Amino acid sequence: MFPRYVVVLALLLTAFLFILMPATMLWDWDEPLYARTGIEMFQSGDLMMPRFNGETFAHKPPLGYWLMGLSAFIFGETEFGVRFFSGPAIGLSALLVYSIASDMFGAYVAKKSVIVFATGLMTLYLGAAAMMDAVLLLGMLLSTWAVVKILYNPALGSSRLLNLLGVFCVGMLVTMLVKGPVGPVLLGAMVTVIWLTLPSNSRPSFKVYWGLVLAGLVALGLFMLWFIPANILSGGELVSEGVMVHIVGRALAPMEGHGGQGVFGYLLFLPVYVPVIFLLFMPWPVYLPGLLVGLKTRFIENRKEWTILSAWFLSTLVIFSIAATKLPHYIYPVAAPMSIALAAVIFSGSKRAAPNWVGLSLLVFFYVGLGGVIVWAGMTLAVKPYGFAIVSAGLFFIGFAVWVVGRRGVRNLAHELAVGSLLSVFALYWAVLPGLEPTIKISREIGQAINENVDANAVVHMVGYSEPSLIFYASRDVNHPIEETSVSAFANALQEGQEGYLVISSDERKFIEAAYGLVKFTEISSHSAYNFNKNGVLEYVYLLKWSN
């Protein structure tokens, strides 16, 4: 089914992602939230109900947590351990990209589609992160693969058709168990648009369409086997919190500042994913202007293929653009159709795309800008002995942009872009971020201090420093979580005569020590960083032992 060359590419991609995974700490907020939730599900033995720091965590269904908890159980509660499954998910997705592209444009373009997909910046980031997006994409591609097989084999026998409907159902179920209705909405929109826009002689009848709908309903029924009892166990939180807040609420209003406020802000942010696509899928958007220029010709040459790709890409773009809450990684599902489209225009057709000055300007803006920031950070923020490596990496980014401009007319430029992308990401992960993280993130240091100085059964409070990464790195037993609390609530604990440990920021420490002078506070460790979660504000955090 898959040529050896493509299988080797997928394995190399997965191995490369494994190499990236241990290079950086977990990034707040999502990575440690998801990772710790998976670990606690396995620690408690309760695989039905997601929990974070001992409390019900109703943000997402459980599949992503199961995978992270399982890999942490196998490989340890480390960055690599909780990020592990994203790598194979992207590797398998690359194989599905090949199969879909092969049906549409042939084996040669399909191979190139895998290269474009595998070396895009967003793929490399999400493939090495403890996030849900890689597994979500895998589920969506599984269902899309089934749809494409149906579209390109209209004379399927009933047995083969049922098998493909089963695959569509499995892919749909995976998306539901990862991100609830996100996958079904996107897949449903894509399939509907394809059936409505393709001529009747280029697609199966609507009976097959309704078969896909029925397969989706079967997936929904299987999903409900988890959702209904889990919602009962949560006291309704999966509906009130998971559905109404994190699905309906995010769609209707920008959550946590991720989107424009008010009508004007909403309209202003409507096209925000367009520049996101151009920048975060680098280096390949250098070809996007050329794709758009020749799009009419390509529709004439391959109407069916470009109708499918357009429906696939635009349904995702429009739905996420309409939603009020916007985050860059939400748009990641467009990576697959965009990779196939770019490979098709770069390597096939009567009018092949080449980088023009619009695309080159975008690439130069991105890599020179990022390289300049890296050079500045290496000279001002880097910890020893990383300064030279960081500055060198920044200069490599700038040099890469200059190289691409100078080689813009070379036939093999696309392959050079792929190699340059891999090298730049490797430099970012292993030369840049390890030398900067100690100056912008302190949760791992505090977690290590807790592990080294605090008894496993001791009470630990957290006041004024509420970052999920600390919960992950402290790695407390699920029965003895860190108690995140307010100053007033902690004051009640002091009055009750308890003793224990306290993680506290500097302002809150001054207030509590001034207000409760009779309480003995012993400083165990102090930590400071320009906290990137608080816009780079210099923050001091302390681990204290207190007793009356």
Protein backbone atom coordinates (compact mmCIF):
# COMPACT_ATOMS: atom_id res chain seq x y z
CA MET A 1 0.00 0.00 0.00
CA PHE A 2 2.84 2.38 0.85
CA PRO A 3 6.16 2.41 -1.04
CA ARG A 4 9.27 1.76 1.03
CA TYR A 5 10.50 5.28 0.33
CA VAL A 6 7.38 6.81 1.92
CA VAL A 7 7.46 4.47 4.92
CA VAL A 8 11.11 5.41 5.51
CA LEU A 9 10.17 9.11 5.29
CA ALA A 10 7.40 8.64 7.87
CA LEU A 11 9.76 6.75 10.20
CA LEU A 12 12.47 9.39 9.84
CA LEU A 13 9.93 12.12 10.55
CA THR A 14 8.78 10.30 13.69
CA ALA A 15 12.39 9.80 14.82
CA PHE A 16 13.15 13.48 14.24
CA LEU A 17 10.15 14.44 16.37
CA PHE A 18 11.37 12.09 19.12
CA ILE A 19 14.71 13.93 19.04
CA LEU A 20 12.94 17.27 19.55
CA MET A 21 10.70 16.17 22.41
CA PRO A 22 13.14 16.19 25.36
CA ALA A 23 14.82 19.45 24.31
CA THR A 24 12.41 21.84 26.01
CA MET A 25 10.33 22.09 29.15
CA LEU A 26 6.56 21.83 28.85
CA TRP A 27 4.95 25.09 27.77
CA ASP A 28 2.08 26.54 29.79
CA TRP A 29 -0.75 26.29 29.71
CA ASP A 30 -1.97 23.40 27.59
CA GLU A 31 0.98 20.98 27.63
CA PRO A 32 1.25 20.53 31.42
CA LEU A 33 -2.54 20.61 31.84
CA TYR A 34 -3.04 17.75 29.41
CA ALA A 35 0.04 15.80 30.49
CA ARG A 36 -0.70 15.95 34.19
CA THR A 37 -4.35 15.04 33.60
CA GLY A 38 -3.29 11.88 31.79
CA ILE A 39 -0.83 10.98 34.56
CA GLU A 40 -3.46 11.45 37.28
CA MET A 41 -5.96 9.28 35.42
CA PHE A 42 -3.43 6.44 35.45
CA GLN A 43 -2.33 7.12 39.04
CA SER A 44 -5.90 7.04 40.33
CA GLY A 45 -6.94 4.11 38.15
CA ASP A 46 -10.00 6.12 37.08
CA LEU A 47 -9.80 6.21 33.27
CA MET A 48 -13.35 7.47 32.96
CA MET A 49 -13.02 10.95 34.46
CA PRO A 50 -10.23 13.41 33.56
CA ARG A 51 -8.77 15.15 36.61
CA PHE A 52 -6.07 17.76 37.07
CA ASN A 53 -4.47 18.33 40.47
CA GLY A 54 -7.20 16.22 42.05
CA GLU A 55 -10.10 18.20 40.54
CA THR A 56 -12.42 17.28 37.66
CA PHE A 57 -10.97 18.61 34.40
CA ALA A 58 -13.84 18.75 31.93
CA HIS A 59 -12.13 20.62 29.09
CA LYS A 60 -11.62 17.69 26.71
CA PRO A 61 -12.66 14.04 26.21
CA PRO A 62 -10.21 11.41 27.43
CA LEU A 63 -8.32 9.91 24.45
CA GLY A 64 -5.46 12.41 24.47
CA TYR A 65 -5.12 12.01 28.24
CA TRP A 66 -5.12 8.23 27.94
CA LEU A 67 -2.30 8.34 25.42
CA MET A 68 -0.20 10.77 27.48
CA GLY A 69 -0.82 8.86 30.69
CA LEU A 70 0.10 5.57 29.03
CA SER A 71 3.31 6.90 27.51
CA ALA A 72 4.26 8.54 30.82
CA PHE A 73 3.67 5.20 32.54
CA ILE A 74 6.02 3.52 30.02
CA PHE A 75 8.71 6.19 29.60
CA GLY A 76 8.40 8.13 32.85
CA GLU A 77 6.88 11.47 33.80
CA THR A 78 9.23 13.41 31.55
CA GLU A 79 8.84 15.75 28.61
CA PHE A 80 9.56 12.88 26.23
CA GLY A 81 7.21 10.58 28.10
CA VAL A 82 4.14 12.80 27.81
CA ARG A 83 4.89 14.01 24.28
CA PHE A 84 5.59 10.57 22.85
CA PHE A 85 2.33 9.79 21.05
CA SER A 86 2.30 13.00 19.03
CA GLY A 87 5.27 11.69 17.01
CA PRO A 88 3.70 8.45 15.76
CA ALA A 89 0.42 10.31 15.13
CA ILE A 90 2.21 12.67 12.76
CA GLY A 91 4.14 9.80 11.17
CA LEU A 92 0.91 7.90 10.45
CA SER A 93 -0.68 11.12 9.21
CA ALA A 94 2.15 11.47 6.69
CA LEU A 95 1.32 8.01 5.31
CA LEU A 96 -2.34 8.98 4.94
CA VAL A 97 -1.33 12.23 3.22
CA TYR A 98 0.61 10.12 0.74
CA SER A 99 -2.31 7.77 0.06
CA ILE A 100 -4.81 10.61 -0.41
CA ALA A 101 -2.47 12.58 -2.67
CA SER A 102 -1.63 9.46 -4.67
CA ASP A 103 -5.29 8.92 -5.55
CA MET A 104 -5.61 12.55 -6.57
CA PHE A 105 -2.35 13.37 -8.38
CA GLY A 106 -0.29 10.18 -8.61
CA ALA A 107 2.63 8.71 -6.69
CA TYR A 108 5.21 11.37 -7.60
CA VAL A 109 3.21 14.31 -6.27
CA ALA A 110 2.17 12.18 -3.28
CA LYS A 111 5.82 11.66 -2.27
CA LYS A 112 6.42 15.40 -2.47
CA SER A 113 3.26 16.04 -0.46
CA VAL A 114 4.76 14.03 2.39
CA ILE A 115 7.93 16.14 2.27
CA VAL A 116 5.96 19.40 2.33
CA PHE A 117 3.73 18.16 5.16
CA ALA A 118 6.62 16.75 7.21
CA THR A 119 8.78 19.87 7.13
CA GLY A 120 6.23 22.59 7.82
CA LEU A 121 6.90 24.51 11.03
CA MET A 122 3.51 23.80 12.61
CA THR A 123 3.79 20.07 11.93
CA LEU A 124 7.20 19.90 13.56
CA TYR A 125 6.00 21.87 16.58
CA LEU A 126 2.76 19.97 17.20
CA GLY A 127 4.41 16.63 16.41
CA ALA A 128 6.80 17.19 19.32
CA ALA A 129 4.29 18.66 21.80
CA ALA A 130 1.99 17.23 24.47
CA MET A 131 -1.04 18.60 22.63
CA MET A 132 -4.20 17.09 21.14
CA ASP A 133 -3.74 18.38 17.59
CA ALA A 134 -1.56 15.58 16.18
CA VAL A 135 -4.00 12.86 17.21
CA LEU A 136 -6.94 15.00 16.06
CA LEU A 137 -5.36 15.35 12.63
CA LEU A 138 -4.74 11.60 12.44
CA GLY A 139 -8.42 10.89 13.10
CA MET A 140 -9.51 13.48 10.55
CA LEU A 141 -7.13 12.10 7.92
CA LEU A 142 -8.36 8.57 8.53
CA SER A 143 -11.92 9.68 7.78
CA THR A 144 -10.79 11.81 4.84
CA TRP A 145 -8.83 8.86 3.43
CA ALA A 146 -12.03 6.81 3.43
CA VAL A 147 -13.93 9.62 1.69
CA VAL A 148 -11.28 9.99 -1.02
CA LYS A 149 -11.20 6.23 -1.61
CA ILE A 150 -14.97 6.32 -2.10
CA LEU A 151 -14.76 9.32 -4.44
CA TYR A 152 -12.12 7.72 -6.67
CA ASN A 153 -13.72 4.29 -6.73
CA PRO A 154 -17.38 4.92 -7.64
CA ALA A 155 -18.02 1.28 -8.57
CA LEU A 156 -17.20 -0.08 -5.15
CA GLY A 157 -18.83 -3.31 -4.10
CA SER A 158 -21.02 -3.26 -1.01
CA SER A 159 -18.43 -5.09 1.11
CA ARG A 160 -15.64 -2.65 0.23
CA LEU A 161 -17.95 0.32 0.76
CA LEU A 162 -18.95 -0.93 4.20
CA ASN A 163 -15.29 -1.33 5.12
CA LEU A 164 -14.58 2.27 4.09
CA LEU A 165 -17.63 3.53 6.00
CA GLY A 166 -16.23 1.65 9.01
CA VAL A 167 -12.89 3.42 8.61
CA PHE A 168 -14.71 6.75 8.34
CA CYS A 169 -16.56 5.90 11.56
CA VAL A 170 -13.34 5.01 13.40
CA GLY A 171 -11.66 8.26 12.31
CA MET A 172 -14.71 10.24 13.38
CA LEU A 173 -14.74 8.50 16.77
CA VAL A 174 -11.06 9.33 17.30
CA THR A 175 -11.72 13.02 16.66
CA MET A 176 -14.65 13.01 19.09
CA LEU A 177 -12.61 11.34 21.82
CA VAL A 178 -9.86 13.93 21.35
CA LYS A 179 -11.72 17.23 20.91
CA GLY A 180 -15.42 16.51 21.05
CA PRO A 181 -17.43 18.00 18.17
CA VAL A 182 -14.49 19.72 16.42
CA GLY A 183 -13.70 16.81 14.11
CA PRO A 184 -17.31 15.95 13.21
CA VAL A 185 -18.10 19.59 12.40
CA LEU A 186 -15.06 19.97 10.15
CA LEU A 187 -15.47 16.57 8.47
CA GLY A 188 -19.21 17.02 8.06
CA ALA A 189 -18.74 20.41 6.42
CA MET A 190 -16.02 19.08 4.11
CA VAL A 191 -18.04 16.05 2.95
CA THR A 192 -21.19 18.12 2.43
CA VAL A 193 -19.40 20.77 0.39
CA ILE A 194 -17.70 18.09 -1.75
CA TRP A 195 -20.99 16.36 -2.55
CA LEU A 196 -22.72 19.66 -3.32
CA THR A 197 -19.99 21.09 -5.54
CA LEU A 198 -18.78 18.06 -7.50
CA PRO A 199 -20.77 17.18 -10.64
CA SER A 200 -22.88 14.04 -10.24
CA ASN A 201 -20.70 12.19 -12.75
CA SER A 202 -17.59 12.86 -10.57
CA ARG A 203 -18.88 11.44 -7.32
CA PRO A 204 -21.04 8.61 -5.97
CA SER A 205 -24.74 9.19 -5.39
CA PHE A 206 -26.21 10.86 -2.32
CA LYS A 207 -26.99 7.39 -0.99
CA VAL A 208 -23.29 7.05 -0.25
CA TYR A 209 -23.33 10.52 1.34
CA TRP A 210 -26.09 9.41 3.69
CA GLY A 211 -24.05 6.30 4.41
CA LEU A 212 -21.26 8.57 5.63
CA VAL A 213 -23.76 10.47 7.76
CA LEU A 214 -24.95 7.20 9.27
CA ALA A 215 -21.34 6.18 9.97
CA GLY A 216 -20.87 9.50 11.76
CA LEU A 217 -23.97 8.85 13.85
CA VAL A 218 -22.61 5.43 14.81
CA ALA A 219 -19.40 7.13 15.93
CA LEU A 220 -21.49 9.57 17.97
CA GLY A 221 -23.32 6.68 19.61
CA LEU A 222 -20.02 5.03 20.54
CA PHE A 223 -18.75 8.33 21.92
CA MET A 224 -21.86 8.60 24.10
CA LEU A 225 -20.95 5.30 25.75
CA TRP A 226 -18.19 7.27 27.46
CA PHE A 227 -19.76 10.71 27.62
CA ILE A 228 -23.07 9.91 29.33
CA PRO A 229 -21.72 7.96 32.33
CA ALA A 230 -18.73 10.32 32.63
CA ASN A 231 -21.06 13.32 32.72
CA ILE A 232 -23.11 11.65 35.45
CA LEU A 233 -19.96 10.94 37.47
CA SER A 234 -18.84 14.56 37.07
CA GLY A 235 -22.14 15.88 38.37
CA GLY A 236 -22.91 17.41 34.98
CA GLU A 237 -19.61 19.25 34.63
CA LEU A 238 -18.83 17.70 31.25
CA VAL A 239 -21.92 19.44 29.88
CA SER A 240 -21.83 22.65 31.90
CA GLU A 241 -18.06 23.14 31.67
CA GLY A 242 -16.82 21.01 28.78
CA VAL A 243 -19.64 21.67 26.29
CA MET A 244 -21.19 24.97 27.31
CA VAL A 245 -17.96 26.79 28.25
CA HIS A 246 -15.14 25.22 26.26
CA ILE A 247 -17.09 24.49 23.08
CA VAL A 248 -20.12 26.78 22.84
CA GLY A 249 -18.46 29.51 24.90
CA ARG A 250 -15.27 29.51 22.84
CA ALA A 251 -17.28 29.67 19.63
CA LEU A 252 -19.40 32.61 20.75
CA ALA A 253 -16.91 34.74 22.69
CA PRO A 254 -13.12 35.06 22.83
CA MET A 255 -11.87 33.07 25.81
CA GLU A 256 -8.85 34.19 27.84
CA GLY A 257 -8.22 37.11 25.47
CA HIS A 258 -7.75 34.90 22.40
CA GLY A 259 -9.75 36.98 19.93
CA GLY A 260 -11.25 40.39 19.38
CA GLN A 261 -13.60 41.98 21.91
CA GLY A 262 -16.94 43.39 20.77
CA VAL A 263 -18.33 43.52 17.25
CA PHE A 264 -15.46 45.59 15.90
CA GLY A 265 -12.86 43.31 17.47
CA TYR A 266 -14.63 40.22 16.14
CA LEU A 267 -14.66 41.63 12.60
CA LEU A 268 -11.04 42.70 12.92
CA PHE A 269 -9.99 39.17 13.86
CA LEU A 270 -12.06 37.38 11.20
CA PRO A 271 -9.15 37.09 8.72
CA VAL A 272 -6.48 36.43 11.37
CA TYR A 273 -5.84 32.86 10.23
CA VAL A 274 -4.68 34.04 6.81
CA PRO A 275 -1.41 35.53 8.12
CA VAL A 276 -1.17 32.63 10.59
CA ILE A 277 -1.15 30.18 7.68
CA PHE A 278 1.45 32.24 5.82
CA LEU A 279 3.78 32.45 8.81
CA LEU A 280 3.36 29.27 10.85
CA PHE A 281 3.52 26.83 7.93
CA MET A 282 6.87 28.21 6.83
CA PRO A 283 8.84 27.72 4.70
CA TRP A 284 6.21 26.47 2.24
CA PRO A 285 3.97 29.55 2.04
CA VAL A 286 6.71 31.00 -0.16
CA TYR A 287 4.82 29.17 -2.94
CA LEU A 288 1.29 30.19 -1.88
CA PRO A 289 1.07 33.39 -3.98
CA GLY A 290 2.07 31.34 -7.03
CA LEU A 291 -0.62 28.78 -6.20
CA LEU A 292 -3.30 31.46 -6.02
CA VAL A 293 -2.23 33.11 -9.27
CA GLY A 294 -2.65 29.93 -11.30
CA LEU A 295 -5.65 28.51 -9.47
CA LYS A 296 -8.11 29.00 -12.35
CA THR A 297 -5.88 27.05 -14.74
CA ARG A 298 -5.50 24.23 -12.24
CA PHE A 299 -9.28 23.95 -11.77
CA ILE A 300 -9.64 23.58 -15.54
CA GLU A 301 -6.96 20.87 -15.67
CA ASN A 302 -8.01 18.92 -12.56
CA ARG A 303 -11.45 20.09 -11.51
CA LYS A 304 -12.28 17.14 -9.26
CA GLU A 305 -8.98 17.26 -7.37
CA TRP A 306 -9.05 20.99 -6.79
CA THR A 307 -12.71 20.95 -5.79
CA ILE A 308 -11.92 18.37 -3.11
CA LEU A 309 -8.86 20.28 -1.88
CA SER A 310 -10.76 23.58 -1.85
CA ALA A 311 -13.67 22.10 0.10
CA TRP A 312 -11.25 20.47 2.53
CA PHE A 313 -9.20 23.62 3.08
CA LEU A 314 -11.94 26.27 3.02
CA SER A 315 -14.42 24.44 5.26
CA THR A 316 -11.79 24.33 8.00
CA LEU A 317 -10.65 27.91 7.44
CA VAL A 318 -14.19 29.34 7.40
CA ILE A 319 -15.41 27.45 10.49
CA PHE A 320 -12.43 28.42 12.63
CA SER A 321 -12.54 32.00 11.32
CA ILE A 322 -16.20 32.33 12.35
CA ALA A 323 -15.50 31.05 15.88
CA ALA A 324 -14.74 33.91 18.27
CA THR A 325 -11.84 32.26 20.14
CA LYS A 326 -8.75 32.00 17.96
CA LEU A 327 -5.45 30.25 18.61
CA PRO A 328 -2.77 29.49 16.00
CA HIS A 329 -2.84 25.72 16.43
CA TYR A 330 -6.61 25.52 15.87
CA ILE A 331 -6.06 25.96 12.13
CA TYR A 332 -3.58 23.08 11.90
CA PRO A 333 -5.99 20.67 10.11
CA VAL A 334 -5.47 22.69 6.90
CA ALA A 335 -1.86 21.46 6.83
CA ALA A 336 -2.81 18.28 4.97
CA PRO A 337 -4.79 19.77 2.06
CA MET A 338 -2.34 22.65 1.83
CA SER A 339 0.61 20.24 1.61
CA ILE A 340 -1.04 18.30 -1.19
CA ALA A 341 -1.99 21.48 -3.05
CA LEU A 342 1.49 22.96 -2.76
CA ALA A 343 3.16 19.73 -3.88
CA ALA A 344 0.81 19.62 -6.88
CA VAL A 345 1.63 23.16 -7.99
CA ILE A 346 5.36 22.83 -7.34
CA PHE A 347 5.90 19.46 -8.99
CA SER A 348 3.11 18.96 -11.56
CA GLY A 349 0.78 20.66 -14.02
CA SER A 350 1.31 22.78 -17.10
CA LYS A 351 1.97 25.88 -15.01
CA ARG A 352 4.23 25.04 -12.06
CA ALA A 353 4.45 27.55 -9.25
CA ALA A 354 7.68 29.31 -8.40
CA PRO A 355 8.46 31.67 -5.55
CA ASN A 356 7.57 35.26 -6.46
CA TRP A 357 8.54 38.37 -4.58
CA VAL A 358 5.43 38.30 -2.42
CA GLY A 359 6.21 34.82 -1.12
CA LEU A 360 9.92 35.57 -0.80
CA SER A 361 9.18 38.75 1.15
CA LEU A 362 7.04 36.78 3.60
CA LEU A 363 9.79 34.22 4.06
CA VAL A 364 12.43 36.90 4.58
CA PHE A 365 10.19 38.73 7.05
CA PHE A 366 9.68 35.56 9.07
CA TYR A 367 13.19 34.11 9.15
CA VAL A 368 15.11 37.40 9.36
CA GLY A 369 12.73 38.70 12.02
CA LEU A 370 12.91 35.51 14.07
CA GLY A 371 16.67 35.30 13.56
CA GLY A 372 17.11 38.87 14.77
CA VAL A 373 15.07 38.18 17.90
CA ILE A 374 17.15 35.05 18.57
CA VAL A 375 20.42 36.97 18.18
CA TRP A 376 19.18 39.66 20.58
CA ALA A 377 18.04 37.02 23.09
CA GLY A 378 21.38 35.25 22.85
CA MET A 379 23.20 38.48 23.68
CA THR A 380 20.90 39.59 26.53
CA LEU A 381 18.98 36.67 28.08
CA ALA A 382 20.96 33.49 27.46
CA VAL A 383 22.43 31.50 30.32
CA LYS A 384 26.02 30.35 30.08
CA PRO A 385 27.34 28.60 28.03
CA TYR A 386 24.54 28.93 25.47
CA GLY A 387 25.12 32.51 24.30
CA PHE A 388 27.34 31.68 21.34
CA ALA A 389 25.12 28.79 20.20
CA ILE A 390 22.00 30.96 20.34
CA VAL A 391 23.55 33.81 18.40
CA SER A 392 24.86 31.33 15.83
CA ALA A 393 21.39 29.82 15.46
CA GLY A 394 19.89 33.27 14.94
CA LEU A 395 22.44 34.00 12.23
CA PHE A 396 21.58 30.67 10.60
CA PHE A 397 17.93 31.73 10.38
CA ILE A 398 18.94 34.98 8.71
CA GLY A 399 21.37 33.16 6.40
CA PHE A 400 18.67 30.66 5.44
CA ALA A 401 16.43 33.50 4.23
CA VAL A 402 19.30 35.02 2.23
CA TRP A 403 20.09 31.59 0.73
CA VAL A 404 16.47 31.06 -0.40
CA VAL A 405 16.34 34.46 -2.09
CA GLY A 406 19.60 33.76 -3.87
CA ARG A 407 18.45 30.31 -4.98
CA ARG A 408 14.89 31.30 -5.92
CA GLY A 409 15.24 30.12 -9.53
CA VAL A 410 16.89 26.77 -8.80
CA ARG A 411 14.88 23.69 -9.74
CA ASN A 412 15.63 21.86 -6.48
CA LEU A 413 14.75 24.81 -4.23
CA ALA A 414 11.84 22.88 -2.67
CA HIS A 415 14.20 20.18 -1.40
CA GLU A 416 16.55 22.83 -0.02
CA LEU A 417 13.61 24.42 1.77
CA ALA A 418 12.79 21.07 3.38
CA VAL A 419 16.36 20.56 4.62
CA GLY A 420 16.62 24.16 5.80
CA SER A 421 13.37 23.86 7.71
CA LEU A 422 14.54 20.75 9.56
CA LEU A 423 17.91 22.31 10.42
CA SER A 424 16.34 25.55 11.64
CA VAL A 425 13.85 23.72 13.87
CA PHE A 426 16.59 21.48 15.27
CA ALA A 427 18.68 24.58 16.06
CA LEU A 428 15.69 26.26 17.68
CA TYR A 429 14.98 23.28 19.93
CA TRP A 430 18.50 22.23 20.89
CA ALA A 431 20.57 25.43 20.64
CA VAL A 432 18.16 28.27 21.38
CA LEU A 433 15.41 27.22 23.77
CA PRO A 434 17.54 25.31 26.33
CA GLY A 435 19.65 28.43 26.83
CA LEU A 436 16.66 30.75 27.21
CA GLU A 437 14.17 28.70 29.20
CA PRO A 438 15.86 29.17 32.60
CA THR A 439 15.40 32.92 32.22
CA ILE A 440 11.71 32.76 31.26
CA LYS A 441 10.39 29.62 33.02
CA ILE A 442 10.93 28.53 36.61
CA SER A 443 8.35 25.82 37.28
CA ARG A 444 10.81 22.95 36.79
CA GLU A 445 13.23 24.49 39.31
CA ILE A 446 10.46 24.90 41.88
CA GLY A 447 9.19 21.39 41.22
CA GLN A 448 12.68 19.97 41.78
CA ALA A 449 12.96 21.92 45.03
CA ILE A 450 9.66 20.45 46.21
CA ASN A 451 10.72 16.92 45.29
CA GLU A 452 14.05 17.30 47.10
CA ASN A 453 12.83 19.05 50.28
CA VAL A 454 9.16 18.18 50.87
CA ASP A 455 7.80 14.92 52.22
CA ALA A 456 5.40 13.17 49.85
CA ASN A 457 2.57 13.38 52.41
CA ALA A 458 3.14 16.99 53.43
CA VAL A 459 0.64 19.76 52.70
CA VAL A 460 1.78 22.14 49.93
CA HIS A 461 -0.06 25.36 49.15
CA MET A 462 0.40 27.58 46.12
CA VAL A 463 -0.43 31.29 46.37
CA GLY A 464 0.08 33.86 43.61
CA TYR A 465 1.82 31.46 41.24
CA SER A 466 -0.80 29.39 39.47
CA GLU A 467 0.94 27.75 36.52
CA PRO A 468 0.03 24.18 35.51
CA SER A 469 3.67 23.37 34.74
CA LEU A 470 4.46 23.50 38.47
CA ILE A 471 1.82 20.82 39.12
CA PHE A 472 3.49 18.66 36.49
CA TYR A 473 7.09 19.15 37.64
CA ALA A 474 6.26 18.81 41.34
CA SER A 475 4.84 15.39 40.40
CA ARG A 476 2.88 14.97 43.60
CA ASP A 477 0.85 11.86 44.21
CA VAL A 478 -2.75 12.25 43.12
CA ASN A 479 -3.88 11.85 46.75
CA HIS A 480 -1.63 14.72 47.91
CA PRO A 481 -2.04 17.48 45.30
CA ILE A 482 -0.71 20.99 45.60
CA GLU A 483 -3.51 23.12 47.02
CA GLU A 484 -3.88 26.21 44.84
CA THR A 485 -5.46 28.87 47.01
CA SER A 486 -5.90 32.58 47.61
CA VAL A 487 -4.21 34.71 50.26
CA SER A 488 -7.39 34.78 52.36
CA ALA A 489 -7.92 31.02 52.14
CA PHE A 490 -4.31 30.37 53.11
CA ALA A 491 -4.76 32.75 56.05
CA ASN A 492 -7.56 30.47 57.28
CA ALA A 493 -5.16 27.52 57.12
CA LEU A 494 -2.67 29.47 59.26
CA GLN A 495 -5.33 30.24 61.86
CA GLU A 496 -6.31 26.58 62.05
CA GLY A 497 -2.81 25.81 63.30
CA GLN A 498 -1.67 23.76 60.32
CA GLU A 499 1.88 23.54 59.13
CA GLY A 500 3.32 22.73 55.75
CA TYR A 501 4.93 24.23 52.70
CA LEU A 502 4.10 27.19 50.55
CA VAL A 503 4.96 28.24 46.98
CA ILE A 504 4.36 31.97 46.88
CA SER A 505 5.18 35.00 44.74
CA SER A 506 6.98 38.00 46.22
CA ASP A 507 4.03 40.38 46.65
CA GLU A 508 1.89 37.80 48.42
CA ARG A 509 4.84 36.79 50.61
CA LYS A 510 5.32 40.37 51.84
CA PHE A 511 1.64 40.65 52.70
CA ILE A 512 1.39 37.35 54.58
CA GLU A 513 4.62 37.83 56.53
CA ALA A 514 3.51 41.33 57.54
CA ALA A 515 -0.01 40.22 58.50
CA TYR A 516 1.01 37.04 60.36
CA GLY A 517 4.22 37.87 62.11
CA LEU A 518 3.79 35.10 64.68
CA VAL A 519 4.01 32.43 62.00
CA LYS A 520 7.51 31.13 61.35
CA PHE A 521 8.46 31.08 57.67
CA THR A 522 11.66 29.31 56.61
CA GLU A 523 12.85 29.95 53.07
CA ILE A 524 13.91 26.74 51.34
CA SER A 525 14.58 28.14 47.88
CA SER A 526 14.04 31.24 45.77
CA HIS A 527 13.56 31.51 42.03
CA SER A 528 13.23 34.31 39.51
CA ALA A 529 12.52 34.63 35.79
CA TYR A 530 11.10 36.98 33.19
CA ASN A 531 7.86 35.02 33.14
CA PHE A 532 6.75 34.66 29.51
CA ASN A 533 3.23 33.79 30.73
CA LYS A 534 3.00 37.26 32.27
CA ASN A 535 4.36 39.22 29.29
CA GLY A 536 7.96 38.93 30.43
CA VAL A 537 7.48 40.49 33.86
CA LEU A 538 10.34 39.73 36.26
CA GLU A 539 8.81 37.44 38.87
CA TYR A 540 10.21 36.14 42.15
CA VAL A 541 8.78 32.93 43.59
CA TYR A 542 9.72 31.23 46.85
CA LEU A 543 9.34 27.82 48.44
CA LEU A 544 8.76 28.31 52.16
CA LYS A 545 8.17 26.03 55.11
CA TRP A 546 5.79 27.47 57.68
CA SER A 547 4.71 26.50 61.17
CA ASN A 548 3.02 28.15 64.15
